[in-house]
Amino acid sequence: MVGAVSAKQIRLNVLEQCNASFAAFGLWTHPRDRAVEYTSLDFWVEYARLAERGLFDNFFIADVHGTPDVYGGSVDAALRNGSQGPILDPVVLISAMAHVTSDLAFTVTGNATYEMPYSFARRMSTLDHMTRGRLGWNVVTGYLNSGARAMGRDGIGSHDLRYDVADEFLDGVYRLWEDSWEEGAVRKDKERGIYVDPAKVHEIDFRGEHYRFRTIHATETSPQRTPVIFQAGASPRGRAFAARHAEGIYINGTSRQVAAEQVAAFRKLVAEEGRDPQSVKVFAGVSVFVDETAEAARARYEEYKQYASIEGLMVLMSGAMGIDLSQYPLDEPLRFQENDANRTVMENMTKHNQWTLREAMDAKALSGTNIPLIGSAEEVAEELIAWADETDLDGFNISRTLSFEGLERFIDMVIPQLQERGRYKTAYSPGTFREKLFGHGPHLPSDHPATKKR
C-alpha cells in the first residue's frame, strides 16, 4: 500500500437513485439484474436489509426534478433507456426501509430551489422521528431546465443565484428546527393534561429576499433537530455553500491527486468559516467490480459491459453538462463550456481528463461519474485504503452496478478484507446518524451556523 497509513476507519454509503437505470446505464437489461423491480416496496426493504448486513453507514438516494431532455432535444432517449426517467420520490420509501433496520442511516435528496421551508421542515422532522434519528439531507439546487419547467418556471436560473436562494432556504429551516421548540417543551403530562408547554414554543418570523413565513415549527423536536447535512457542489460557489453548511460532502475525483486537492481545498474553506475542518466527512463515488482474481474481475466487467447503454450514459451526461452530445463529434476532445448546468460534471469530463467523447463514454460505460475499481477483493480493499490515505477522504459512495449482485459481492468479498486490515467497523456504534458519524451528541455542533443563530 502506497502512502502514509491512517488509523481512520473508512465510511461507506450505498449510492442509489429511484429508477431502473443509474450510473451503470443499461444494466437493467442483464438477466440477473433486479432494478426493474424498483417500483416495488419489497425491493427497497430487501435493499435496506442488505446494506445493514454490510454495516453500511448510510443509504444515500440521489434524486432529480425533471427528465433529461438535452440529448437529442427530447426525453425520448431518457425514457427508452430508463436513464433518470421514470423516477420515484425517494422520501416515500424511507419509513419502510427504516422499519426493517435498526442502525442504517438514510440520506434523502431535497431540492432547496423548489421546496418551501415550512412544509419541507415538517417532512424532514417527521422522517427523523420515523427513523429514530437516522436521517440525512442531501441539499441540491437542480440542474435540469425540464425540472424548472415542471415546477412552473421558465428555467433553472443562474448558477450562483440558485445557491443564494439555497442559503436563505437553509437559514429558514434552521430557524424552524433549531429555534422554535425549546428543550423540554414536550411534557406529555397525562395527570395535568399538558402535552406541550406553550411557553417553550416560539413563533419564527422569517423575512428574507426569497422566502417569508411566520409560524411555529409544526413538528415537535425530533431526535437530531436538524438532519445531517450533505452537499455535492464543486463550483467555487458550491464549495462556499458546502463549507458553510455541510457535515458531509460528495466529490467525483478523477484521480488521487485531483481528489486530494479537492479535499484539501474544501477543508481550508471549512476552517475559514470558523468550523473544524476535520468535522466534515468527505466521500467519493466508486463503482466496484470484484471477483476472486483480477482476471475474473475484468472478465466480469466485460460481461456486464455487453449490456451497457452508451446512449443512456450520454443522456445523463448531456443533461448534467448542458450539452447535446448527440450533436458532438465522437473523436473530438470534450471542451469546457460555461453554462448553468452541473459544473462539477463539466469540469471532471473536460478539465481533469483530455478525452474524446468516444473515449469518455467507453471509460465511463459502467461507472458514470464515479471511479471504477476492478480487481480481486484484496486489490479493491487496498485500492480503497490507498485512496483514503493519500487523499484524506473519509469514505466512499458505493454505486449500483448489477442490482443486487454488485453490492452482495462487495459485502461478502471486500468488506471482510477491510475489516481484516482494521479499516472498517465490525459492529455499529449506538446513537443517531450524527452520533455514529462524529461521536458527539445528536445535535449540530456549536461551530455550525445553524446553532450560532440561536
Protein backbone atom coordinates (compact mmCIF):
# COMPACT_ATOMS: atom_id res chain seq x y z
CA MET A 1 0.00 0.00 0.00
CA VAL A 2 1.36 3.39 -1.03
CA GLY A 3 1.27 6.47 1.18
CA ALA A 4 1.02 7.24 4.86
CA VAL A 5 -1.20 4.83 6.74
CA SER A 6 -4.11 6.45 8.53
CA ALA A 7 -5.85 4.93 11.52
CA LYS A 8 -9.09 6.45 10.28
CA GLN A 9 -11.79 3.88 9.58
CA ILE A 10 -13.38 4.01 6.15
CA ARG A 11 -17.05 5.04 5.97
CA LEU A 12 -19.33 3.56 3.33
CA ASN A 13 -22.60 4.74 1.81
CA VAL A 14 -24.83 2.96 -0.68
CA LEU A 15 -25.38 5.28 -3.66
CA GLU A 16 -28.73 4.84 -5.40
CA GLN A 17 -31.48 6.54 -7.32
CA CYS A 18 -35.14 5.51 -7.56
CA ASN A 19 -35.20 4.35 -11.16
CA ALA A 20 -34.37 1.42 -13.40
CA SER A 21 -31.02 2.68 -14.73
CA PHE A 22 -28.48 4.61 -12.69
CA ALA A 23 -24.69 5.05 -13.09
CA ALA A 24 -24.25 1.73 -14.92
CA PHE A 25 -26.76 2.59 -17.60
CA GLY A 26 -28.35 -0.30 -19.44
CA LEU A 27 -27.59 -2.99 -16.89
CA TRP A 28 -31.30 -3.30 -16.16
CA THR A 29 -31.37 -5.46 -19.31
CA HIS A 30 -28.95 -8.02 -17.80
CA PRO A 31 -30.73 -11.34 -17.00
CA ARG A 32 -29.56 -11.26 -13.37
CA ASP A 33 -30.27 -7.58 -12.69
CA ARG A 34 -33.27 -6.74 -10.48
CA ALA A 35 -33.55 -2.96 -10.98
CA VAL A 36 -36.81 -3.33 -12.93
CA GLU A 37 -38.37 -4.20 -9.54
CA TYR A 38 -37.68 -0.66 -8.26
CA THR A 39 -41.41 0.23 -8.12
CA SER A 40 -41.93 -2.50 -5.51
CA LEU A 41 -41.60 -1.69 -1.80
CA ASP A 42 -40.26 -5.21 -1.24
CA PHE A 43 -37.29 -4.30 -3.45
CA TRP A 44 -36.30 -1.35 -1.23
CA VAL A 45 -36.93 -3.21 2.01
CA GLU A 46 -34.66 -6.06 0.90
CA TYR A 47 -32.10 -3.50 -0.29
CA ALA A 48 -32.05 -1.81 3.14
CA ARG A 49 -31.57 -5.13 4.92
CA LEU A 50 -28.69 -5.98 2.58
CA ALA A 51 -26.96 -2.64 3.25
CA GLU A 52 -27.31 -3.10 7.00
CA ARG A 53 -25.85 -6.61 6.74
CA GLY A 54 -22.81 -4.92 5.23
CA LEU A 55 -22.68 -2.41 8.13
CA PHE A 56 -23.05 0.48 5.71
CA ASP A 57 -23.27 3.82 7.45
CA ASN A 58 -25.80 5.36 5.13
CA PHE A 59 -28.18 4.63 2.27
CA PHE A 60 -27.89 7.73 0.09
CA ILE A 61 -30.63 8.22 -2.51
CA ALA A 62 -29.87 10.76 -5.22
CA ASP A 63 -32.78 12.49 -6.92
CA VAL A 64 -33.54 14.97 -9.68
CA HIS A 65 -36.52 17.09 -10.71
CA GLY A 66 -37.41 16.72 -14.37
CA THR A 67 -36.46 14.21 -17.05
CA PRO A 68 -33.25 14.71 -19.07
CA ASP A 69 -34.20 16.22 -22.42
CA VAL A 70 -30.95 17.82 -23.64
CA TYR A 71 -29.77 14.77 -25.58
CA GLY A 72 -31.47 14.86 -28.98
CA GLY A 73 -33.69 17.73 -27.78
CA SER A 74 -36.33 15.47 -26.19
CA VAL A 75 -37.00 12.98 -23.38
CA ASP A 76 -37.23 10.07 -25.85
CA ALA A 77 -33.75 8.64 -25.27
CA ALA A 78 -34.08 9.03 -21.49
CA LEU A 79 -37.34 7.09 -21.44
CA ARG A 80 -36.15 4.48 -23.94
CA ASN A 81 -33.12 3.72 -21.77
CA GLY A 82 -34.69 4.33 -18.36
CA SER A 83 -31.96 6.95 -17.85
CA GLN A 84 -33.11 9.07 -14.85
CA GLY A 85 -36.66 8.62 -16.01
CA PRO A 86 -39.13 7.46 -14.96
CA ILE A 87 -38.22 8.10 -11.31
CA LEU A 88 -39.88 7.72 -7.89
CA ASP A 89 -39.97 10.16 -4.98
CA PRO A 90 -37.36 8.76 -2.53
CA VAL A 91 -38.95 10.34 0.55
CA VAL A 92 -41.84 7.89 0.38
CA LEU A 93 -39.52 4.88 0.74
CA ILE A 94 -37.56 5.87 3.84
CA SER A 95 -40.03 4.95 6.60
CA ALA A 96 -40.44 1.38 5.30
CA MET A 97 -36.68 0.93 4.92
CA ALA A 98 -36.09 2.31 8.41
CA HIS A 99 -38.72 -0.01 9.86
CA VAL A 100 -36.79 -3.15 8.87
CA THR A 101 -33.38 -1.83 10.00
CA SER A 102 -32.05 -0.57 13.30
CA ASP A 103 -28.74 1.20 12.56
CA LEU A 104 -28.54 2.03 8.86
CA ALA A 105 -28.99 5.76 8.22
CA PHE A 106 -30.79 7.27 5.22
CA THR A 107 -29.90 10.41 3.32
CA VAL A 108 -32.61 11.74 1.05
CA THR A 109 -32.08 14.38 -1.61
CA GLY A 110 -34.18 17.52 -1.18
CA ASN A 111 -34.25 20.48 -3.58
CA ALA A 112 -33.79 23.89 -1.95
CA THR A 113 -34.99 25.63 -5.13
CA TYR A 114 -38.46 24.09 -5.39
CA GLU A 115 -39.44 23.28 -1.79
CA MET A 116 -40.98 25.63 0.78
CA PRO A 117 -39.24 25.89 4.18
CA TYR A 118 -42.29 25.20 6.37
CA SER A 119 -43.55 22.07 4.59
CA PHE A 120 -40.05 20.73 3.97
CA ALA A 121 -39.00 21.21 7.61
CA ARG A 122 -42.10 19.32 8.75
CA ARG A 123 -41.43 16.45 6.33
CA MET A 124 -37.80 16.07 7.43
CA SER A 125 -38.68 16.25 11.12
CA THR A 126 -41.29 13.55 10.55
CA LEU A 127 -38.69 11.32 8.88
CA ASP A 128 -36.19 12.00 11.65
CA HIS A 129 -38.83 10.76 14.12
CA MET A 130 -39.73 7.73 11.99
CA THR A 131 -36.06 6.72 11.58
CA ARG A 132 -35.25 7.39 15.26
CA GLY A 133 -32.68 9.98 14.29
CA ARG A 134 -31.13 8.19 11.31
CA LEU A 135 -31.81 10.90 8.73
CA GLY A 136 -29.57 12.93 6.45
CA TRP A 137 -30.44 15.56 3.84
CA ASN A 138 -28.50 15.96 0.59
CA VAL A 139 -29.07 19.59 -0.41
CA VAL A 140 -29.37 20.25 -4.15
CA THR A 141 -30.43 23.23 -6.25
CA GLY A 142 -31.37 21.47 -9.51
CA TYR A 143 -29.67 21.48 -12.89
CA LEU A 144 -32.32 20.41 -15.42
CA ASN A 145 -34.37 23.05 -17.21
CA SER A 146 -37.04 20.38 -17.65
CA GLY A 147 -37.33 20.28 -13.85
CA ALA A 148 -37.73 24.06 -13.68
CA ARG A 149 -40.47 23.97 -16.31
CA ALA A 150 -42.20 21.16 -14.42
CA MET A 151 -42.25 23.42 -11.35
CA GLY A 152 -43.80 26.31 -13.30
CA ARG A 153 -40.61 28.26 -14.01
CA ASP A 154 -39.07 29.39 -17.27
CA GLY A 155 -35.64 27.94 -16.47
CA ILE A 156 -33.26 26.97 -13.67
CA GLY A 157 -31.87 30.48 -13.27
CA SER A 158 -28.23 31.46 -12.90
CA HIS A 159 -25.91 29.02 -11.16
CA ASP A 160 -24.79 31.29 -8.32
CA LEU A 161 -28.27 32.72 -7.70
CA ARG A 162 -29.55 29.19 -7.04
CA TYR A 163 -27.03 28.92 -4.21
CA ASP A 164 -28.05 32.33 -2.86
CA VAL A 165 -31.63 31.09 -2.69
CA ALA A 166 -30.46 27.85 -1.07
CA ASP A 167 -28.53 29.78 1.59
CA GLU A 168 -31.72 31.58 2.54
CA PHE A 169 -33.76 28.37 2.42
CA LEU A 170 -31.40 26.72 4.89
CA ASP A 171 -31.47 29.74 7.16
CA GLY A 172 -35.26 29.39 7.20
CA VAL A 173 -35.41 25.68 8.01
CA TYR A 174 -32.64 26.07 10.60
CA ARG A 175 -34.80 28.61 12.42
CA LEU A 176 -37.72 26.15 12.48
CA TRP A 177 -35.67 23.14 13.51
CA GLU A 178 -33.34 24.83 15.99
CA ASP A 179 -35.15 27.88 17.41
CA SER A 180 -38.89 27.22 17.51
CA TRP A 181 -39.07 24.49 20.19
CA GLU A 182 -37.01 24.64 23.36
CA GLU A 183 -35.71 21.50 25.01
CA GLY A 184 -38.33 20.26 27.43
CA ALA A 185 -41.25 21.84 25.58
CA VAL A 186 -42.91 18.43 25.17
CA ARG A 187 -44.28 17.43 28.57
CA LYS A 188 -46.68 14.51 27.84
CA ASP A 189 -48.11 15.07 31.32
CA LYS A 190 -51.23 12.89 31.45
CA GLU A 191 -52.14 13.82 35.02
CA ARG A 192 -52.22 17.56 34.34
CA GLY A 193 -53.40 17.23 30.74
CA ILE A 194 -50.43 19.16 29.29
CA TYR A 195 -48.87 17.72 26.17
CA VAL A 196 -46.73 20.77 25.26
CA ASP A 197 -45.67 23.72 27.39
CA PRO A 198 -46.63 26.61 25.08
CA ALA A 199 -44.21 28.97 26.86
CA LYS A 200 -41.35 26.94 25.36
CA VAL A 201 -42.59 27.08 21.76
CA HIS A 202 -41.74 30.20 19.78
CA GLU A 203 -43.06 31.68 16.58
CA ILE A 204 -40.48 32.26 13.88
CA ASP A 205 -40.92 35.46 11.88
CA PHE A 206 -38.67 34.93 8.87
CA ARG A 207 -38.33 37.71 6.30
CA GLY A 208 -35.89 37.04 3.52
CA GLU A 209 -35.50 38.12 -0.07
CA HIS A 210 -36.87 34.85 -1.47
CA TYR A 211 -38.85 33.34 1.43
CA ARG A 212 -41.16 34.76 4.06
CA PHE A 213 -43.08 32.92 6.75
CA ARG A 214 -44.41 33.43 10.24
CA THR A 215 -45.17 30.27 12.19
CA ILE A 216 -44.12 27.82 14.84
CA HIS A 217 -42.47 24.64 13.62
CA ALA A 218 -45.30 22.15 13.05
CA THR A 219 -43.48 19.13 14.47
CA GLU A 220 -42.22 18.53 17.97
CA THR A 221 -38.46 18.32 18.32
CA SER A 222 -37.05 15.26 16.54
CA PRO A 223 -34.02 13.26 17.77
CA GLN A 224 -31.48 15.28 15.74
CA ARG A 225 -33.50 18.51 15.30
CA THR A 226 -31.62 19.16 12.04
CA PRO A 227 -30.84 16.13 9.83
CA VAL A 228 -27.20 15.53 8.94
CA ILE A 229 -26.46 17.93 6.06
CA PHE A 230 -24.75 16.71 2.87
CA GLN A 231 -23.83 18.59 -0.27
CA ALA A 232 -22.02 17.92 -3.54
CA GLY A 233 -21.30 21.33 -5.10
CA ALA A 234 -17.81 21.64 -6.61
CA SER A 235 -18.01 25.04 -8.30
CA PRO A 236 -16.50 27.94 -6.32
CA ARG A 237 -20.00 29.00 -5.19
CA GLY A 238 -20.97 25.40 -4.46
CA ARG A 239 -17.84 24.84 -2.36
CA ALA A 240 -18.51 28.02 -0.38
CA PHE A 241 -22.07 26.83 0.26
CA ALA A 242 -20.88 23.40 1.38
CA ALA A 243 -18.16 24.87 3.61
CA ARG A 244 -20.79 26.86 5.46
CA HIS A 245 -23.49 24.21 5.82
CA ALA A 246 -22.36 20.65 5.07
CA GLU A 247 -21.41 17.96 7.55
CA GLY A 248 -20.61 15.63 4.68
CA ILE A 249 -19.75 16.29 1.05
CA TYR A 250 -19.65 14.13 -2.04
CA ILE A 251 -16.96 14.51 -4.69
CA ASN A 252 -16.21 12.79 -8.00
CA GLY A 253 -12.42 12.60 -8.07
CA THR A 254 -10.89 11.53 -11.37
CA SER A 255 -7.51 10.68 -9.81
CA ARG A 256 -5.99 10.53 -6.34
CA GLN A 257 -4.13 13.77 -6.95
CA VAL A 258 -7.28 15.60 -8.04
CA ALA A 259 -9.26 14.17 -5.13
CA ALA A 260 -6.53 15.15 -2.64
CA GLU A 261 -6.53 18.71 -3.99
CA GLN A 262 -10.32 18.88 -3.75
CA VAL A 263 -10.38 17.59 -0.17
CA ALA A 264 -7.60 19.92 0.98
CA ALA A 265 -9.21 22.95 -0.66
CA PHE A 266 -12.55 22.13 0.90
CA ARG A 267 -11.17 21.63 4.41
CA LYS A 268 -9.42 25.01 4.08
CA LEU A 269 -12.76 26.65 3.23
CA VAL A 270 -14.42 24.96 6.21
CA ALA A 271 -11.74 26.35 8.52
CA GLU A 272 -12.25 29.81 7.06
CA GLU A 273 -15.91 29.51 8.04
CA GLY A 274 -14.81 29.06 11.66
CA ARG A 275 -15.59 25.35 11.66
CA ASP A 276 -13.37 22.37 12.47
CA PRO A 277 -12.12 21.18 9.05
CA GLN A 278 -11.95 17.56 10.21
CA SER A 279 -15.53 17.63 11.45
CA VAL A 280 -16.81 17.30 7.88
CA LYS A 281 -16.79 13.88 6.21
CA VAL A 282 -15.78 13.71 2.53
CA PHE A 283 -16.89 10.86 0.27
CA ALA A 284 -16.02 9.90 -3.32
CA GLY A 285 -18.25 7.87 -5.61
CA VAL A 286 -16.93 4.48 -6.74
CA SER A 287 -18.27 1.62 -8.86
CA VAL A 288 -16.79 -1.73 -7.83
CA PHE A 289 -16.37 -4.85 -9.99
CA VAL A 290 -14.86 -7.60 -7.84
CA ASP A 291 -14.11 -11.30 -8.25
CA GLU A 292 -11.75 -13.99 -6.95
CA THR A 293 -8.89 -12.77 -9.16
CA ALA A 294 -8.09 -9.64 -11.13
CA GLU A 295 -8.59 -11.59 -14.37
CA ALA A 296 -12.01 -12.84 -13.29
CA ALA A 297 -12.99 -9.31 -12.22
CA ARG A 298 -12.01 -7.92 -15.61
CA ALA A 299 -13.98 -10.71 -17.31
CA ARG A 300 -16.99 -9.86 -15.12
CA TYR A 301 -16.65 -6.18 -16.05
CA GLU A 302 -16.53 -7.04 -19.77
CA GLU A 303 -19.55 -9.33 -19.39
CA TYR A 304 -21.52 -6.53 -17.74
CA LYS A 305 -20.33 -4.09 -20.39
CA GLN A 306 -22.09 -6.09 -23.10
CA TYR A 307 -25.34 -4.78 -21.60
CA ALA A 308 -24.22 -1.16 -21.14
CA SER A 309 -26.20 1.58 -22.85
CA ILE A 310 -23.90 4.28 -24.19
CA GLU A 311 -26.96 6.25 -25.27
CA GLY A 312 -28.28 6.07 -21.70
CA LEU A 313 -24.98 7.41 -20.37
CA MET A 314 -24.95 10.20 -22.97
CA VAL A 315 -28.46 11.17 -21.86
CA LEU A 316 -27.17 11.66 -18.31
CA MET A 317 -24.03 13.48 -19.38
CA SER A 318 -25.93 15.74 -21.76
CA GLY A 319 -28.33 16.78 -19.02
CA ALA A 320 -25.59 17.23 -16.43
CA MET A 321 -23.25 19.17 -18.72
CA GLY A 322 -25.92 21.14 -20.56
CA ILE A 323 -24.58 19.96 -23.93
CA ASP A 324 -26.43 17.87 -26.53
CA LEU A 325 -23.86 15.12 -27.00
CA SER A 326 -25.88 13.62 -29.87
CA GLN A 327 -24.51 16.50 -31.94
CA TYR A 328 -20.92 16.19 -30.65
CA PRO A 329 -18.19 14.63 -32.83
CA LEU A 330 -17.16 11.29 -31.34
CA ASP A 331 -13.43 11.76 -31.89
CA GLU A 332 -13.01 15.38 -30.82
CA PRO A 333 -11.83 16.25 -27.30
CA LEU A 334 -14.63 17.34 -24.99
CA ARG A 335 -14.43 21.09 -24.39
CA PHE A 336 -15.43 23.05 -21.30
CA GLN A 337 -18.48 25.24 -21.95
CA GLU A 338 -19.70 27.74 -19.36
CA ASN A 339 -23.40 27.28 -18.57
CA ASP A 340 -25.74 26.94 -15.61
CA ALA A 341 -25.94 23.12 -15.55
CA ASN A 342 -23.83 20.82 -13.33
CA ARG A 343 -20.35 22.37 -13.39
CA THR A 344 -18.87 19.52 -11.36
CA VAL A 345 -19.55 17.02 -14.14
CA MET A 346 -18.47 19.51 -16.81
CA GLU A 347 -15.08 20.09 -15.16
CA ASN A 348 -14.43 16.42 -14.46
CA MET A 349 -15.18 15.47 -18.05
CA THR A 350 -13.17 18.29 -19.66
CA LYS A 351 -10.55 19.87 -17.40
CA HIS A 352 -9.33 16.81 -15.48
CA ASN A 353 -9.30 14.48 -18.50
CA GLN A 354 -8.42 15.11 -22.12
CA TRP A 355 -10.91 12.61 -23.51
CA THR A 356 -12.69 12.50 -26.81
CA LEU A 357 -16.39 11.75 -26.50
CA ARG A 358 -15.78 8.17 -27.67
CA GLU A 359 -13.03 7.66 -25.06
CA ALA A 360 -15.11 9.20 -22.28
CA MET A 361 -18.14 7.05 -23.00
CA ASP A 362 -16.03 3.89 -23.15
CA ALA A 363 -14.22 4.70 -19.88
CA LYS A 364 -17.45 5.62 -18.07
CA ALA A 365 -19.75 2.99 -19.61
CA LEU A 366 -20.39 1.21 -16.28
CA SER A 367 -19.43 3.87 -13.75
CA GLY A 368 -20.86 7.18 -14.97
CA THR A 369 -19.26 9.97 -12.93
CA ASN A 370 -17.80 7.52 -10.37
CA ILE A 371 -14.34 5.99 -10.03
CA PRO A 372 -14.31 2.43 -11.48
CA LEU A 373 -12.44 -0.15 -9.35
CA ILE A 374 -11.88 -3.56 -10.98
CA GLY A 375 -9.98 -6.35 -9.23
CA SER A 376 -9.81 -9.07 -6.63
CA ALA A 377 -11.22 -8.46 -3.16
CA GLU A 378 -7.70 -7.84 -1.84
CA GLU A 379 -6.90 -5.40 -4.65
CA VAL A 380 -10.15 -3.45 -4.25
CA ALA A 381 -9.68 -3.19 -0.48
CA GLU A 382 -6.09 -1.98 -0.88
CA GLU A 383 -7.18 0.49 -3.53
CA LEU A 384 -9.88 1.96 -1.28
CA ILE A 385 -7.39 2.24 1.58
CA ALA A 386 -4.81 3.91 -0.68
CA TRP A 387 -7.38 6.43 -1.90
CA ALA A 388 -8.40 7.21 1.68
CA ASP A 389 -4.83 7.55 2.94
CA GLU A 390 -3.47 9.59 0.05
CA THR A 391 -6.41 11.96 -0.34
CA ASP A 392 -7.77 12.43 3.23
CA LEU A 393 -11.12 11.05 2.08
CA ASP A 394 -13.32 9.74 4.88
CA GLY A 395 -15.11 7.17 2.77
CA PHE A 396 -16.89 6.18 -0.40
CA ASN A 397 -20.31 6.05 -2.03
CA ILE A 398 -20.63 2.52 -3.42
CA SER A 399 -22.74 2.94 -6.52
CA ARG A 400 -25.15 0.47 -8.07
CA THR A 401 -23.65 -1.82 -10.69
CA LEU A 402 -25.68 -5.02 -11.18
CA SER A 403 -28.60 -4.97 -8.77
CA PHE A 404 -28.27 -6.62 -6.17
CA GLU A 405 -25.36 -8.77 -7.27
CA GLY A 406 -22.78 -5.99 -7.20
CA LEU A 407 -23.50 -4.94 -3.61
CA GLU A 408 -23.73 -8.54 -2.38
CA ARG A 409 -20.30 -9.32 -3.81
CA PHE A 410 -18.84 -6.16 -2.28
CA ILE A 411 -20.26 -7.04 1.15
CA ASP A 412 -19.19 -10.68 1.05
CA MET A 413 -15.76 -10.16 -0.51
CA VAL A 414 -14.37 -6.64 0.03
CA ILE A 415 -15.72 -5.72 3.47
CA PRO A 416 -14.03 -8.72 5.21
CA GLN A 417 -10.73 -7.59 3.65
CA LEU A 418 -11.20 -4.06 5.01
CA GLN A 419 -12.10 -5.47 8.43
CA GLU A 420 -9.02 -7.72 8.49
CA ARG A 421 -6.91 -4.62 7.89
CA GLY A 422 -8.63 -2.77 10.73
CA ARG A 423 -10.10 -0.18 8.39
CA TYR A 424 -13.82 -0.96 8.66
CA LYS A 425 -16.08 -1.47 11.65
CA THR A 426 -17.26 -4.89 12.77
CA ALA A 427 -20.37 -3.53 14.51
CA TYR A 428 -22.44 -0.35 14.55
CA SER A 429 -21.90 2.22 17.27
CA PRO A 430 -25.03 3.37 19.13
CA GLY A 431 -26.99 6.57 18.62
CA THR A 432 -28.36 8.76 15.87
CA PHE A 433 -26.78 9.22 12.46
CA ARG A 434 -24.85 12.26 13.69
CA GLU A 435 -23.62 10.39 16.77
CA LYS A 436 -22.47 7.43 14.68
CA LEU A 437 -20.62 9.70 12.23
CA PHE A 438 -18.97 12.10 14.64
CA GLY A 439 -19.04 10.54 18.09
CA HIS A 440 -20.67 13.53 19.79
CA GLY A 441 -24.28 14.34 20.65
CA PRO A 442 -27.27 14.10 18.31
CA HIS A 443 -27.45 17.84 17.59
CA LEU A 444 -25.39 20.17 15.44
CA PRO A 445 -22.06 21.30 16.97
CA SER A 446 -21.62 24.81 18.33
CA ASP A 447 -19.48 25.96 15.38
CA HIS A 448 -22.25 25.29 12.82
CA PRO A 449 -24.07 28.42 11.55
CA ALA A 450 -27.47 26.96 12.45
CA THR A 451 -26.60 26.92 16.15
CA LYS A 452 -24.86 30.29 16.05
CA LYS A 453 -28.20 31.87 15.18
CA ARG A 454 -29.89 30.52 18.29
